Amino acid sequence: MKENLIRDKSYRFALSIIDLYKILVAQKEYVMSKQLLKSGTSIGANVEEALAGQSRADFLSKMSIASKEAREARYWLHLLRDSNTLDTEHLIHLIQESECLINILTSIVKTTSIKKA
């Protein structure tokens, strides 16, 4: 399979989110963990759909959704950190990764939108 930065990063992020979800469930935290699991794994799913898009508009739509999901995941990570549900060490790397995904996806969406116009 051809290397693709956003595909690879979003997949690795999803795996990390799954690991964090398991930790949170073991601590009996079910609400925020489930929300994070949904948004954190949805990023890569939408990237995959975008890469198989039927048109530029379809690609743009799916990448925009992936960007929104990345922002939602970042929100849940911040909430977990700021509510002291987990120690900051568990979350620093994931928050940084979510920021990186947001930056890449924002760039993809902006570039695609410019080309579309």
C-alpha atoms as a PDB file:
ATOM      1  CA  MET A   1       0.000   0.000   0.000  1.00  0.00           C
ATOM      2  CA  LYS A   2       1.272   3.466  -0.902  1.00  0.00           C
ATOM      3  CA  GLU A   3       2.376   5.570   2.077  1.00  0.00           C
ATOM      4  CA  ASN A   4       0.031   8.368   3.022  1.00  0.00           C
ATOM      5  CA  LEU A   5       0.861  10.656   5.961  1.00  0.00           C
ATOM      6  CA  ILE A   6      -2.682  11.441   7.067  1.00  0.00           C
ATOM      7  CA  ARG A   7      -3.838   7.843   6.640  1.00  0.00           C
ATOM      8  CA  ASP A   8      -0.909   6.554   8.707  1.00  0.00           C
ATOM      9  CA  LYS A   9      -1.152   9.214  11.423  1.00  0.00           C
ATOM     10  CA  SER A  10      -4.916   8.874  11.811  1.00  0.00           C
ATOM     11  CA  TYR A  11      -4.621   5.075  12.021  1.00  0.00           C
ATOM     12  CA  ARG A  12      -1.903   5.222  14.692  1.00  0.00           C
ATOM     13  CA  PHE A  13      -3.955   7.821  16.564  1.00  0.00           C
ATOM     14  CA  ALA A  14      -6.986   5.513  16.510  1.00  0.00           C
ATOM     15  CA  LEU A  15      -4.900   2.670  17.953  1.00  0.00           C
ATOM     16  CA  SER A  16      -3.706   4.952  20.757  1.00  0.00           C
ATOM     17  CA  ILE A  17      -7.272   6.061  21.445  1.00  0.00           C
ATOM     18  CA  ILE A  18      -8.357   2.419  21.708  1.00  0.00           C
ATOM     19  CA  ASP A  19      -5.591   1.808  24.248  1.00  0.00           C
ATOM     20  CA  LEU A  20      -6.678   4.859  26.241  1.00  0.00           C
ATOM     21  CA  TYR A  21     -10.316   3.736  26.058  1.00  0.00           C
ATOM     22  CA  LYS A  22      -9.353   0.421  27.681  1.00  0.00           C
ATOM     23  CA  ILE A  23      -7.612   2.275  30.526  1.00  0.00           C
ATOM     24  CA  LEU A  24     -10.609   4.550  31.065  1.00  0.00           C
ATOM     25  CA  VAL A  25     -13.103   1.681  31.077  1.00  0.00           C
ATOM     26  CA  ALA A  26     -10.938  -0.161  33.613  1.00  0.00           C
ATOM     27  CA  GLN A  27     -11.314   2.969  35.780  1.00  0.00           C
ATOM     28  CA  LYS A  28     -15.085   2.802  35.214  1.00  0.00           C
ATOM     29  CA  GLU A  29     -15.175   5.990  33.133  1.00  0.00           C
ATOM     30  CA  TYR A  30     -17.742   5.217  30.454  1.00  0.00           C
ATOM     31  CA  VAL A  31     -19.180   8.484  29.121  1.00  0.00           C
ATOM     32  CA  MET A  32     -16.164  10.530  28.043  1.00  0.00           C
ATOM     33  CA  SER A  33     -14.274   7.383  27.066  1.00  0.00           C
ATOM     34  CA  LYS A  34     -17.010   6.325  24.649  1.00  0.00           C
ATOM     35  CA  GLN A  35     -17.222   9.802  23.114  1.00  0.00           C
ATOM     36  CA  LEU A  36     -13.452   9.865  22.669  1.00  0.00           C
ATOM     37  CA  LEU A  37     -13.457   6.369  21.170  1.00  0.00           C
ATOM     38  CA  LYS A  38     -16.075   7.381  18.605  1.00  0.00           C
ATOM     39  CA  SER A  39     -14.436  10.633  17.533  1.00  0.00           C
ATOM     40  CA  GLY A  40     -10.856   9.383  17.756  1.00  0.00           C
ATOM     41  CA  THR A  41     -11.448   6.366  15.535  1.00  0.00           C
ATOM     42  CA  SER A  42     -13.774   8.214  13.174  1.00  0.00           C
ATOM     43  CA  ILE A  43     -10.935  10.436  11.955  1.00  0.00           C
ATOM     44  CA  GLY A  44      -9.177   7.590  10.158  1.00  0.00           C
ATOM     45  CA  ALA A  45     -12.434   6.089   8.896  1.00  0.00           C
ATOM     46  CA  ASN A  46     -13.333   9.376   7.220  1.00  0.00           C
ATOM     47  CA  VAL A  47      -9.816   9.736   5.795  1.00  0.00           C
ATOM     48  CA  GLU A  48     -10.156   6.258   4.270  1.00  0.00           C
ATOM     49  CA  GLU A  49     -13.507   7.214   2.760  1.00  0.00           C
ATOM     50  CA  ALA A  50     -12.045  10.465   1.429  1.00  0.00           C
ATOM     51  CA  LEU A  51      -9.179   8.659  -0.258  1.00  0.00           C
ATOM     52  CA  ALA A  52     -11.731   6.540  -2.090  1.00  0.00           C
ATOM     53  CA  GLY A  53     -13.916   9.565  -2.860  1.00  0.00           C
ATOM     54  CA  GLN A  54     -15.868   9.606  -6.079  1.00  0.00           C
ATOM     55  CA  SER A  55     -15.188  13.282  -6.701  1.00  0.00           C
ATOM     56  CA  ARG A  56     -13.232  16.243  -5.374  1.00  0.00           C
ATOM     57  CA  ALA A  57     -16.392  17.363  -3.548  1.00  0.00           C
ATOM     58  CA  ASP A  58     -16.731  13.925  -1.932  1.00  0.00           C
ATOM     59  CA  PHE A  59     -13.044  14.007  -0.925  1.00  0.00           C
ATOM     60  CA  LEU A  60     -13.428  17.495   0.533  1.00  0.00           C
ATOM     61  CA  SER A  61     -16.571  16.540   2.444  1.00  0.00           C
ATOM     62  CA  LYS A  62     -14.969  13.492   4.075  1.00  0.00           C
ATOM     63  CA  MET A  63     -11.744  15.321   4.932  1.00  0.00           C
ATOM     64  CA  SER A  64     -13.821  18.121   6.479  1.00  0.00           C
ATOM     65  CA  ILE A  65     -15.648  15.568   8.610  1.00  0.00           C
ATOM     66  CA  ALA A  66     -12.307  14.027   9.634  1.00  0.00           C
ATOM     67  CA  SER A  67     -11.131  17.507  10.671  1.00  0.00           C
ATOM     68  CA  LYS A  68     -14.239  18.040  12.787  1.00  0.00           C
ATOM     69  CA  GLU A  69     -13.802  14.631  14.407  1.00  0.00           C
ATOM     70  CA  ALA A  70     -10.177  15.480  15.233  1.00  0.00           C
ATOM     71  CA  ARG A  71     -11.341  18.668  16.922  1.00  0.00           C
ATOM     72  CA  GLU A  72     -13.940  16.725  18.878  1.00  0.00           C
ATOM     73  CA  ALA A  73     -11.331  14.175  19.977  1.00  0.00           C
ATOM     74  CA  ARG A  74      -9.092  17.022  21.124  1.00  0.00           C
ATOM     75  CA  TYR A  75     -12.018  18.420  23.132  1.00  0.00           C
ATOM     76  CA  TRP A  76     -12.545  15.108  24.949  1.00  0.00           C
ATOM     77  CA  LEU A  77      -8.818  14.774  25.621  1.00  0.00           C
ATOM     78  CA  HIS A  78      -8.749  18.272  27.126  1.00  0.00           C
ATOM     79  CA  LEU A  79     -11.815  17.474  29.197  1.00  0.00           C
ATOM     80  CA  LEU A  80     -10.221  14.274  30.513  1.00  0.00           C
ATOM     81  CA  ARG A  81      -7.082  16.214  31.410  1.00  0.00           C
ATOM     82  CA  ASP A  82      -8.812  19.204  32.989  1.00  0.00           C
ATOM     83  CA  SER A  83     -11.264  17.072  34.989  1.00  0.00           C
ATOM     84  CA  ASN A  84      -8.305  15.171  36.462  1.00  0.00           C
ATOM     85  CA  THR A  85      -9.775  11.919  35.209  1.00  0.00           C
ATOM     86  CA  LEU A  86      -6.298  10.871  34.063  1.00  0.00           C
ATOM     87  CA  ASP A  87      -2.899  12.225  34.847  1.00  0.00           C
ATOM     88  CA  THR A  88      -1.525  14.647  32.294  1.00  0.00           C
ATOM     89  CA  GLU A  89       1.275  12.297  31.252  1.00  0.00           C
ATOM     90  CA  HIS A  90      -1.229   9.908  29.671  1.00  0.00           C
ATOM     91  CA  LEU A  91      -2.717  12.724  27.634  1.00  0.00           C
ATOM     92  CA  ILE A  92       0.100  15.051  26.552  1.00  0.00           C
ATOM     93  CA  HIS A  93       1.162  12.949  23.569  1.00  0.00           C
ATOM     94  CA  LEU A  94      -2.417  12.334  22.420  1.00  0.00           C
ATOM     95  CA  ILE A  95      -3.293  16.016  22.656  1.00  0.00           C
ATOM     96  CA  GLN A  96      -0.195  16.845  20.602  1.00  0.00           C
ATOM     97  CA  GLU A  97      -1.128  14.191  18.053  1.00  0.00           C
ATOM     98  CA  SER A  98      -4.672  15.537  17.816  1.00  0.00           C
ATOM     99  CA  GLU A  99      -3.241  19.019  17.176  1.00  0.00           C
ATOM    100  CA  CYS A 100      -1.006  17.589  14.448  1.00  0.00           C
ATOM    101  CA  LEU A 101      -3.962  15.815  12.808  1.00  0.00           C
ATOM    102  CA  ILE A 102      -6.030  19.002  12.960  1.00  0.00           C
ATOM    103  CA  ASN A 103      -3.236  20.982  11.298  1.00  0.00           C
ATOM    104  CA  ILE A 104      -2.753  18.439   8.514  1.00  0.00           C
ATOM    105  CA  LEU A 105      -6.479  18.045   7.879  1.00  0.00           C
ATOM    106  CA  THR A 106      -7.046  21.818   7.916  1.00  0.00           C
ATOM    107  CA  SER A 107      -4.288  22.203   5.355  1.00  0.00           C
ATOM    108  CA  ILE A 108      -5.788  19.469   3.157  1.00  0.00           C
ATOM    109  CA  VAL A 109      -9.251  21.037   3.349  1.00  0.00           C
ATOM    110  CA  LYS A 110      -7.965  24.541   2.599  1.00  0.00           C
ATOM    111  CA  THR A 111      -5.797  23.377  -0.300  1.00  0.00           C
ATOM    112  CA  THR A 112      -8.608  21.323  -1.780  1.00  0.00           C
ATOM    113  CA  SER A 113     -11.056  24.200  -1.383  1.00  0.00           C
ATOM    114  CA  ILE A 114      -8.691  26.605  -3.144  1.00  0.00           C
ATOM    115  CA  LYS A 115      -8.208  24.206  -6.042  1.00  0.00           C
ATOM    116  CA  LYS A 116     -11.960  23.769  -6.249  1.00  0.00           C
ATOM    117  CA  ALA A 117     -12.683  27.501  -6.491  1.00  0.00           C
END
